[in-house]
Amino acid sequence: MQFELIATATPAGCHQSALYTAVANNMRFCTPSKAIVQYDQSLDAPYLCAQIEEISVTRRKHRCLTILDTLLSKTKEKFDQMANTWDGTMHLITACSKDGELYIDEQEARKLCNDLELTVDSIVTHKTCDLNRLSPHSLYVFVDSCIGYDEASRPEWVGKLQVVGGPEGTVLSEGGCVLLGANTDLACEATVYQGDLSELLTELNANIHEPYVSTCLLGEQWQRTWLNATRALYQEHDSLIELRNTANTIGYSGVGHHALGLAVASSYLHNPLNTHIERVWLIIEQQKPQLIAVTRSQ
C-alpha cells in the first residue's frame, strides 16, 4: 500500500518535523485532567491527557470540527503549492457519539471545504478504515478527540490509562492526519506482515539499529510481548532497542491512532537528517500486534 502524508494535527503541532521530533525524543505533552477515573480497585486518580492547546471549545464534536478545519486548511495549502494526483474523493473517518451518530457528517465537512475553497467531488464518511486498503488517489482524513471524561470513563480503559501516581499507561489525546493514496516522490510504501511478531522480525532480518515505532496501548502485557518478540535480535552486550511509543507521547487519538503511526513513520523517512534510514518498523495493535514495514516508494 502506498501513501503520502499530506497534513497532521497533534499536540506536537502541525508540521511533520515536529511530529518526528516529538516521537523520536520521547517528548510528553500531557497534563492531569480535572476529572477522576478508576484505575483499579485500589486507585482513583486524575488521568493524563494531551490536548491541542490552540483549541478553546470543550465539546468533543466541536473539537473534532476544529481539528478537521485545521487539517483541511493544511491540505489546501499543500495542494496549492504542488501538483497532486488526488481524484476529488475524500474519505472522512471520525468517531461516533453514544447514539451511534458520527461527530462530523458529510454536510458539515463539505461546508468546511467550501469555506476553504477546497474543491471536493465526493465525501464519504466512515467509522473505521482498513489501512491496508487505501484507494489510489483518494484522500483519507482521520479526526478524533479523546481527551474528555466521556472517553476516559469507558469500562475498557480501566487499568490501561496513565493516571497520576499510577504505572505507565496510555495518554488520551486528540488530533488526526490526512493521507493520500499515491505514488509520488514523497510517498511511502507500507507492507503489512501477518504472523508471529518474533518470527517475522527474524525472517525479515530486522536489526536493533533500525527505528521501531509502536501504536500499541501501553501496559505490562505489551512490555512482555515486545521483549519476548525481540529477544532473538540481540547479541551479548547489545543495548535495548529504543522503541518509540505514540501512546504516551502524542497519545491515543481514537480512530486516527494507527493512521498517525503511518504519519510518524513517514516523518522519520522524510526528515533530512535521516537519509541513512531505509525502513521504519511500525507495530500496530489489532487483535494482536501487527508488523508493518514502511519504506520510501521507489
Protein backbone atom coordinates (compact mmCIF):
# COMPACT_ATOMS: atom_id res chain seq x y z
CA MET A 1 0.00 0.00 0.00
CA GLN A 2 1.36 3.41 -0.99
CA PHE A 3 0.51 6.66 0.73
CA GLU A 4 1.69 10.23 1.06
CA LEU A 5 1.37 12.19 4.29
CA ILE A 6 -0.42 15.44 3.47
CA ALA A 7 -1.20 17.01 6.85
CA THR A 8 -1.15 16.35 10.60
CA ALA A 9 -2.62 17.96 13.70
CA THR A 10 -1.41 16.72 17.09
CA PRO A 11 -0.42 18.17 20.47
CA ALA A 12 3.09 18.41 18.98
CA GLY A 13 1.89 20.80 16.26
CA CYS A 14 1.07 20.63 12.58
CA HIS A 15 4.48 20.10 10.99
CA GLN A 16 5.96 16.73 10.06
CA SER A 17 9.27 17.74 11.61
CA ALA A 18 7.53 18.45 14.93
CA LEU A 19 5.82 15.06 14.82
CA TYR A 20 9.15 13.34 14.23
CA THR A 21 10.89 15.31 16.97
CA ALA A 22 8.15 14.57 19.50
CA VAL A 23 8.14 10.80 18.99
CA ALA A 24 11.87 10.31 18.34
CA ASN A 25 12.77 12.23 21.50
CA ASN A 26 10.02 10.73 23.66
CA MET A 27 8.52 14.15 24.41
CA ARG A 28 5.44 14.42 26.62
CA PHE A 29 2.56 16.86 26.18
CA CYS A 30 0.17 15.62 28.85
CA THR A 31 -1.46 17.35 31.79
CA PRO A 32 -3.69 15.93 34.57
CA SER A 33 -7.42 16.03 34.00
CA LYS A 34 -9.82 17.70 36.40
CA ALA A 35 -11.93 14.53 36.46
CA ILE A 36 -11.16 11.41 38.49
CA VAL A 37 -11.30 7.92 36.96
CA GLN A 38 -10.91 4.47 38.43
CA TYR A 39 -7.58 2.88 37.50
CA ASP A 40 -8.23 -0.26 39.53
CA GLN A 41 -9.90 -1.25 42.79
CA SER A 42 -7.18 0.47 44.83
CA LEU A 43 -6.61 3.69 42.86
CA ASP A 44 -8.86 6.54 41.75
CA ALA A 45 -6.94 9.44 40.23
CA PRO A 46 -6.88 12.12 37.51
CA TYR A 47 -5.95 10.72 34.10
CA LEU A 48 -3.34 12.33 31.87
CA CYS A 49 -4.40 13.81 28.55
CA ALA A 50 -2.56 15.58 25.73
CA GLN A 51 -4.57 18.48 24.34
CA ILE A 52 -4.05 20.69 21.32
CA GLU A 53 -3.63 23.95 23.21
CA GLU A 54 -4.99 26.20 20.46
CA ILE A 55 -8.48 24.65 20.69
CA SER A 56 -10.71 26.56 23.10
CA VAL A 57 -14.07 24.77 22.63
CA THR A 58 -14.92 21.94 25.01
CA ARG A 59 -17.45 19.57 23.42
CA ARG A 60 -15.98 16.58 21.58
CA LYS A 61 -17.91 17.32 18.39
CA HIS A 62 -16.72 20.93 18.28
CA ARG A 63 -13.11 19.93 18.97
CA CYS A 64 -13.32 17.42 16.10
CA LEU A 65 -14.67 20.12 13.79
CA THR A 66 -11.83 22.46 14.77
CA ILE A 67 -9.25 19.73 14.11
CA LEU A 68 -10.85 18.96 10.75
CA ASP A 69 -10.74 22.63 9.80
CA THR A 70 -7.02 22.70 10.59
CA LEU A 71 -6.34 19.55 8.57
CA LEU A 72 -8.31 20.75 5.55
CA SER A 73 -6.61 24.14 5.69
CA LYS A 74 -3.18 22.48 5.68
CA THR A 75 -4.30 20.21 2.84
CA LYS A 76 -5.48 23.16 0.75
CA GLU A 77 -2.22 24.98 1.44
CA LYS A 78 -0.15 21.98 0.34
CA PHE A 79 -2.21 21.26 -2.78
CA ASP A 80 -1.95 24.90 -3.84
CA GLN A 81 1.84 24.59 -3.76
CA MET A 82 2.29 21.30 -5.60
CA ALA A 83 0.93 19.10 -8.34
CA ASN A 84 -1.04 16.17 -6.96
CA THR A 85 -2.89 13.07 -8.11
CA TRP A 86 -5.98 13.48 -5.94
CA ASP A 87 -9.14 12.27 -7.70
CA GLY A 88 -11.50 14.51 -5.69
CA THR A 89 -12.78 11.79 -3.34
CA MET A 90 -12.45 12.38 0.39
CA HIS A 91 -12.93 9.61 2.95
CA LEU A 92 -13.64 11.12 6.38
CA ILE A 93 -13.06 8.85 9.35
CA THR A 94 -14.27 10.14 12.70
CA ALA A 95 -15.73 8.88 15.96
CA CYS A 96 -19.36 8.29 16.92
CA SER A 97 -21.44 9.57 19.80
CA LYS A 98 -23.16 7.19 22.23
CA ASP A 99 -26.18 7.33 19.91
CA GLY A 100 -24.09 5.95 17.06
CA GLU A 101 -24.02 9.20 15.07
CA LEU A 102 -20.76 10.43 13.59
CA TYR A 103 -19.44 13.59 15.24
CA ILE A 104 -18.95 15.12 11.78
CA ASP A 105 -21.37 14.43 8.95
CA GLU A 106 -20.95 14.92 5.21
CA GLN A 107 -22.70 18.30 5.15
CA GLU A 108 -20.53 19.75 7.92
CA ALA A 109 -17.37 18.53 6.20
CA ARG A 110 -18.47 19.95 2.85
CA LYS A 111 -19.21 23.34 4.41
CA LEU A 112 -15.67 23.50 5.78
CA CYS A 113 -14.29 22.54 2.36
CA ASN A 114 -16.38 25.25 0.69
CA ASP A 115 -15.29 27.86 3.22
CA LEU A 116 -11.66 26.98 2.47
CA GLU A 117 -12.29 26.78 -1.30
CA LEU A 118 -11.08 23.19 -1.31
CA THR A 119 -12.83 21.55 -4.25
CA VAL A 120 -14.18 18.11 -3.35
CA ASP A 121 -16.22 15.92 -5.69
CA SER A 122 -17.33 13.33 -3.14
CA ILE A 123 -17.19 13.00 0.66
CA VAL A 124 -17.70 9.55 2.18
CA THR A 125 -17.93 9.21 5.97
CA HIS A 126 -16.74 6.16 7.91
CA LYS A 127 -16.50 4.95 11.50
CA THR A 128 -13.37 2.89 10.77
CA CYS A 129 -10.86 2.46 7.96
CA ASP A 130 -8.77 -0.51 6.84
CA LEU A 131 -5.30 0.98 6.42
CA ASN A 132 -4.36 -1.97 4.19
CA ARG A 133 -6.88 -0.87 1.57
CA LEU A 134 -6.36 2.82 0.81
CA SER A 135 -7.67 3.55 -2.68
CA PRO A 136 -5.12 5.09 -5.06
CA HIS A 137 -5.54 8.87 -5.49
CA SER A 138 -8.21 9.17 -2.77
CA LEU A 139 -7.82 11.37 0.30
CA TYR A 140 -8.25 9.89 3.79
CA VAL A 141 -8.91 12.28 6.66
CA PHE A 142 -8.76 10.94 10.24
CA VAL A 143 -10.18 13.11 13.06
CA ASP A 144 -10.94 12.45 16.71
CA SER A 145 -10.71 13.94 20.20
CA CYS A 146 -10.44 11.52 23.13
CA ILE A 147 -9.45 13.81 25.99
CA GLY A 148 -12.87 14.09 27.67
CA TYR A 149 -14.37 12.17 30.56
CA ASP A 150 -16.85 10.53 28.15
CA GLU A 151 -13.89 8.61 26.69
CA ALA A 152 -11.81 8.18 29.85
CA SER A 153 -14.72 6.67 31.81
CA ARG A 154 -15.34 3.85 29.33
CA PRO A 155 -15.01 0.44 31.05
CA GLU A 156 -12.40 -0.81 28.57
CA TRP A 157 -9.93 1.83 29.80
CA VAL A 158 -9.88 0.56 33.40
CA GLY A 159 -6.29 -0.36 34.27
CA LYS A 160 -4.91 0.95 30.96
CA LEU A 161 -4.81 4.75 31.24
CA GLN A 162 -1.90 6.78 32.53
CA VAL A 163 -3.14 8.27 35.80
CA VAL A 164 -1.42 10.42 38.39
CA GLY A 165 0.54 8.11 40.68
CA GLY A 166 -0.09 5.04 38.55
CA PRO A 167 2.15 2.79 36.42
CA GLU A 168 2.93 3.51 32.77
CA GLY A 169 -0.22 3.62 30.67
CA THR A 170 -1.87 5.26 27.69
CA VAL A 171 -2.31 9.03 27.47
CA LEU A 172 -5.61 10.14 25.94
CA SER A 173 -5.14 12.67 23.16
CA GLU A 174 -6.68 14.27 20.08
CA GLY A 175 -5.79 15.18 16.53
CA GLY A 176 -5.58 13.47 13.18
CA CYS A 177 -3.88 13.29 9.84
CA VAL A 178 -4.53 13.32 6.10
CA LEU A 179 -3.17 10.55 3.88
CA LEU A 180 -3.29 10.42 0.09
CA GLY A 181 -3.22 7.06 -1.62
CA ALA A 182 -0.48 7.88 -4.11
CA ASN A 183 2.84 7.04 -5.70
CA THR A 184 4.80 10.28 -5.68
CA ASP A 185 8.31 11.40 -4.80
CA LEU A 186 7.19 11.89 -1.19
CA ALA A 187 5.15 8.70 -0.95
CA CYS A 188 5.83 5.75 1.32
CA GLU A 189 5.29 2.05 0.82
CA ALA A 190 3.66 0.19 3.73
CA THR A 191 3.95 -3.60 3.68
CA VAL A 192 1.83 -5.46 6.22
CA TYR A 193 3.03 -8.83 7.51
CA GLN A 194 0.83 -11.46 9.11
CA GLY A 195 2.12 -13.90 11.69
CA ASP A 196 4.02 -14.17 14.94
CA LEU A 197 5.87 -10.94 15.72
CA SER A 198 9.06 -12.65 16.88
CA GLU A 199 9.25 -14.95 13.85
CA LEU A 200 8.57 -12.10 11.43
CA LEU A 201 11.30 -9.85 12.84
CA THR A 202 13.81 -12.68 12.48
CA GLU A 203 12.69 -13.73 8.99
CA LEU A 204 12.76 -10.14 7.70
CA ASN A 205 16.29 -9.53 9.01
CA ALA A 206 15.26 -6.75 11.36
CA ASN A 207 18.12 -5.37 13.43
CA ILE A 208 18.38 -3.40 16.64
CA HIS A 209 19.73 -0.27 14.93
CA GLU A 210 16.59 0.38 12.84
CA PRO A 211 13.81 2.68 14.10
CA TYR A 212 10.82 0.97 15.74
CA VAL A 213 7.55 2.83 16.33
CA SER A 214 4.57 1.36 18.18
CA THR A 215 0.96 2.47 18.45
CA CYS A 216 0.15 -0.39 20.84
CA LEU A 217 -1.55 0.52 24.11
CA LEU A 218 0.93 0.50 26.96
CA GLY A 219 0.98 -1.85 29.90
CA GLU A 220 2.81 -4.82 31.39
CA GLN A 221 1.35 -7.25 28.85
CA TRP A 222 2.67 -5.25 25.89
CA GLN A 223 6.09 -4.84 27.54
CA ARG A 224 6.37 -8.62 27.95
CA THR A 225 5.20 -9.21 24.38
CA TRP A 226 7.77 -6.78 22.97
CA LEU A 227 10.70 -8.12 25.00
CA ASN A 228 9.88 -11.71 24.02
CA ALA A 229 9.42 -10.77 20.35
CA THR A 230 12.80 -9.03 20.08
CA ARG A 231 14.88 -11.38 22.23
CA ALA A 232 16.38 -13.16 19.20
CA LEU A 233 17.62 -9.87 17.68
CA TYR A 234 20.15 -9.23 20.45
CA GLN A 235 23.70 -10.36 20.82
CA GLU A 236 25.71 -10.19 24.02
CA HIS A 237 26.28 -6.62 25.29
CA ASP A 238 23.74 -5.08 22.85
CA SER A 239 21.72 -2.16 24.16
CA LEU A 240 17.94 -2.47 24.23
CA ILE A 241 16.02 -1.27 21.19
CA GLU A 242 14.65 2.23 21.75
CA LEU A 243 11.02 1.50 20.93
CA ARG A 244 9.15 4.77 20.35
CA ASN A 245 5.57 4.66 21.58
CA THR A 246 2.94 7.06 20.30
CA ALA A 247 0.55 6.09 23.11
CA ASN A 248 2.46 8.11 25.72
CA THR A 249 3.99 10.86 23.55
CA ILE A 250 1.44 12.30 21.12
CA GLY A 251 -1.09 10.00 22.83
CA TYR A 252 -4.05 7.86 21.83
CA SER A 253 -6.16 9.73 19.28
CA GLY A 254 -9.06 7.38 18.68
CA VAL A 255 -10.00 6.50 15.10
CA GLY A 256 -6.83 8.13 13.78
CA HIS A 257 -4.44 6.44 16.20
CA HIS A 258 -2.98 3.84 13.82
CA ALA A 259 -3.05 6.23 10.85
CA LEU A 260 -0.88 8.60 12.87
CA GLY A 261 1.53 5.70 13.25
CA LEU A 262 1.95 5.77 9.46
CA ALA A 263 2.35 9.55 9.68
CA VAL A 264 5.14 9.14 12.24
CA ALA A 265 6.90 6.56 10.04
CA SER A 266 6.69 8.96 7.09
CA SER A 267 8.10 11.79 9.21
CA TYR A 268 11.10 9.59 10.06
CA LEU A 269 11.80 8.73 6.43
CA HIS A 270 11.44 12.27 5.10
CA ASN A 271 13.43 14.05 7.78
CA PRO A 272 16.60 15.49 6.16
CA LEU A 273 18.71 14.04 8.98
CA ASN A 274 17.54 10.50 8.25
CA THR A 275 18.68 9.83 4.69
CA HIS A 276 20.54 6.79 6.06
CA ILE A 277 17.28 5.19 7.27
CA GLU A 278 15.87 2.75 4.72
CA ARG A 279 12.85 1.48 6.62
CA VAL A 280 10.83 2.06 9.76
CA TRP A 281 9.20 -0.81 11.62
CA LEU A 282 5.68 0.08 12.75
CA ILE A 283 3.82 -2.15 15.19
CA ILE A 284 0.09 -1.58 15.48
CA GLU A 285 -2.39 -3.41 17.66
CA GLN A 286 -5.34 -5.10 16.02
CA GLN A 287 -6.48 -8.28 17.77
CA LYS A 288 -2.75 -8.86 18.32
CA PRO A 289 0.37 -6.83 17.43
CA GLN A 290 0.80 -6.49 13.66
CA LEU A 291 4.07 -5.65 11.92
CA ILE A 292 4.33 -3.10 9.10
CA ALA A 293 7.50 -2.18 7.22
CA VAL A 294 7.38 1.41 5.95
CA THR A 295 9.87 2.45 3.26
CA ARG A 296 10.22 5.22 0.70
CA SER A 297 8.42 4.46 -2.56
CA GLN A 298 10.77 3.58 -5.38
